[in-house]
Protein backbone atom coordinates (compact mmCIF):
# COMPACT_ATOMS: atom_id res chain seq x y z
CA MET A 1 -12.50 -21.33 24.57
CA GLU A 2 -11.43 -20.67 28.10
CA LEU A 3 -13.21 -17.82 29.85
CA ASN A 4 -11.18 -15.13 31.57
CA SER A 5 -7.99 -16.24 29.83
CA PRO A 6 -5.29 -13.58 29.55
CA ARG A 7 -5.18 -11.80 26.23
CA LYS A 8 -2.49 -13.10 23.93
CA ASP A 9 -0.81 -10.53 21.72
CA PRO A 10 -0.32 -11.85 18.19
CA TYR A 11 3.27 -10.64 18.28
CA SER A 12 5.54 -10.95 21.26
CA SER A 13 8.69 -9.52 19.73
CA VAL A 14 9.85 -6.96 17.22
CA SER A 15 11.76 -9.61 15.27
CA GLN A 16 8.57 -11.68 14.92
CA VAL A 17 6.72 -8.67 13.44
CA GLU A 18 9.63 -7.92 11.11
CA ARG A 19 9.72 -11.51 9.83
CA ASP A 20 5.98 -11.44 9.16
CA LEU A 21 6.21 -8.11 7.31
CA GLU A 22 9.19 -9.33 5.28
CA LYS A 23 7.13 -12.35 4.19
CA LYS A 24 4.52 -9.86 2.96
CA GLY A 25 7.09 -8.03 0.83
CA PHE A 26 8.24 -5.27 3.20
CA LYS A 27 11.95 -5.61 2.39
CA GLU A 28 13.36 -2.10 2.87
CA LYS A 29 14.40 -0.49 6.14
CA PHE A 30 13.06 3.06 6.18
CA SER A 31 14.49 5.94 8.21
CA VAL A 32 12.92 9.34 8.78
CA LYS A 33 15.02 12.21 7.44
CA ASP A 34 12.70 15.03 8.54
CA GLU A 35 9.00 15.56 9.19
CA HIS A 36 8.23 15.39 5.45
CA THR A 37 10.73 12.81 4.13
CA ILE A 38 11.89 9.22 4.64
CA HIS A 39 14.62 7.28 2.86
CA ASP A 40 15.59 3.65 2.39
CA ALA A 41 19.02 1.98 2.57
CA ASP A 42 19.70 2.99 -1.06
CA ASN A 43 18.98 6.64 -0.14
CA ARG A 44 15.81 6.75 -2.25
CA GLU A 45 13.77 9.50 -0.67
CA TYR A 46 9.99 9.66 -0.39
CA SER A 47 7.86 12.56 0.74
CA SER A 48 5.04 11.94 3.19
CA ASP A 49 2.44 12.45 0.45
CA LYS A 50 3.94 9.49 -1.49
CA ILE A 51 3.74 7.02 1.43
CA SER A 52 0.91 4.93 2.88
CA ILE A 53 0.77 3.20 6.25
CA ILE A 54 -0.21 -0.39 5.53
CA GLU A 55 0.35 -2.02 8.93
CA LEU A 56 1.16 -0.70 12.38
CA HIS A 57 2.12 -2.88 15.34
CA ARG A 58 2.91 -1.78 18.87
CA ILE A 59 5.20 -4.03 20.85
CA VAL A 60 5.01 -3.20 24.54
CA ASP A 61 7.73 -4.33 26.88
CA ARG A 62 5.72 -4.69 30.07
CA GLU A 63 8.87 -4.72 32.19
CA ASN A 64 10.54 -1.71 30.58
CA ASN A 65 8.27 0.80 28.84
CA SER A 66 11.31 2.58 27.41
CA GLN A 67 11.79 -0.45 25.14
CA SER A 68 8.28 -0.23 23.63
CA LEU A 69 8.33 0.12 19.82
CA MET A 70 6.02 0.67 16.90
CA VAL A 71 6.84 -1.42 13.84
CA ILE A 72 5.21 0.13 10.80
CA GLY A 73 4.79 -1.36 7.33
CA LEU A 74 4.95 1.46 4.77
CA GLU A 75 4.44 1.46 1.02
CA ALA A 76 5.67 4.14 -1.36
CA GLU A 77 3.69 5.22 -4.40
CA ASP A 78 6.23 3.40 -6.63
CA GLY A 79 5.47 0.09 -4.86
CA ASN A 80 8.58 0.05 -2.66
CA LYS A 81 7.63 -1.49 0.69
CA GLY A 82 9.56 -1.21 3.90
CA ILE A 83 9.61 -1.16 7.67
CA LEU A 84 9.99 1.77 10.03
CA LYS A 85 10.73 1.09 13.70
CA THR A 86 10.28 3.83 16.28
CA PRO A 87 9.77 4.12 20.03
CA PHE A 88 6.42 5.39 21.23
CA GLY A 89 5.10 6.88 24.43
CA GLU A 90 7.50 8.77 26.64
CA ASN A 91 10.48 7.97 24.37
CA ALA A 92 8.79 8.87 21.08
CA ASP A 93 10.82 10.70 18.45
CA GLU A 94 9.05 13.99 17.68
CA THR A 95 10.33 14.13 14.09
CA VAL A 96 9.05 10.62 13.38
CA ASP A 97 5.72 11.47 15.02
CA ARG A 98 5.33 14.54 12.81
CA PHE A 99 6.23 12.52 9.71
CA LEU A 100 3.60 9.90 10.58
CA GLN A 101 1.03 12.63 11.19
CA ASN A 102 1.81 14.06 7.76
CA VAL A 103 1.36 10.62 6.18
CA ASP A 104 -1.84 10.02 8.11
CA SER A 105 -3.32 13.37 7.09
CA LYS A 106 -3.42 12.35 3.42
CA SER A 107 -6.94 12.04 2.08
CA SER A 108 -5.93 9.03 -0.04
CA LEU A 109 -4.50 7.01 2.84
CA ASN A 110 -4.97 3.29 2.27
CA LYS A 111 -7.70 3.67 -0.37
CA LYS A 112 -6.38 0.66 -2.27
CA TYR A 113 -6.37 -1.59 0.80
């Protein structure tokens, strides 16, 4: 191991994270409807108390912070797994942030993982 080597992020691009999550069964693309609800491409809706955050990755564009994204692997209570992409930092979407806070406030978050 080389001392003082620069840290290597495990993921350098959003597409790389998405491919890895898809291999793990995260097939759906989730969108936030409001601070309590998300839906998938088939318009199946899930309330924040029926969703768990399984994985969360932050991809930082060091040259353009406005392009920095969170890629989040979510699982619904019915087993449906999907991906939510959202900017973070100065360009964060307040509705998405509130939804994620509602998911995170669950007492049962990630108990099975």
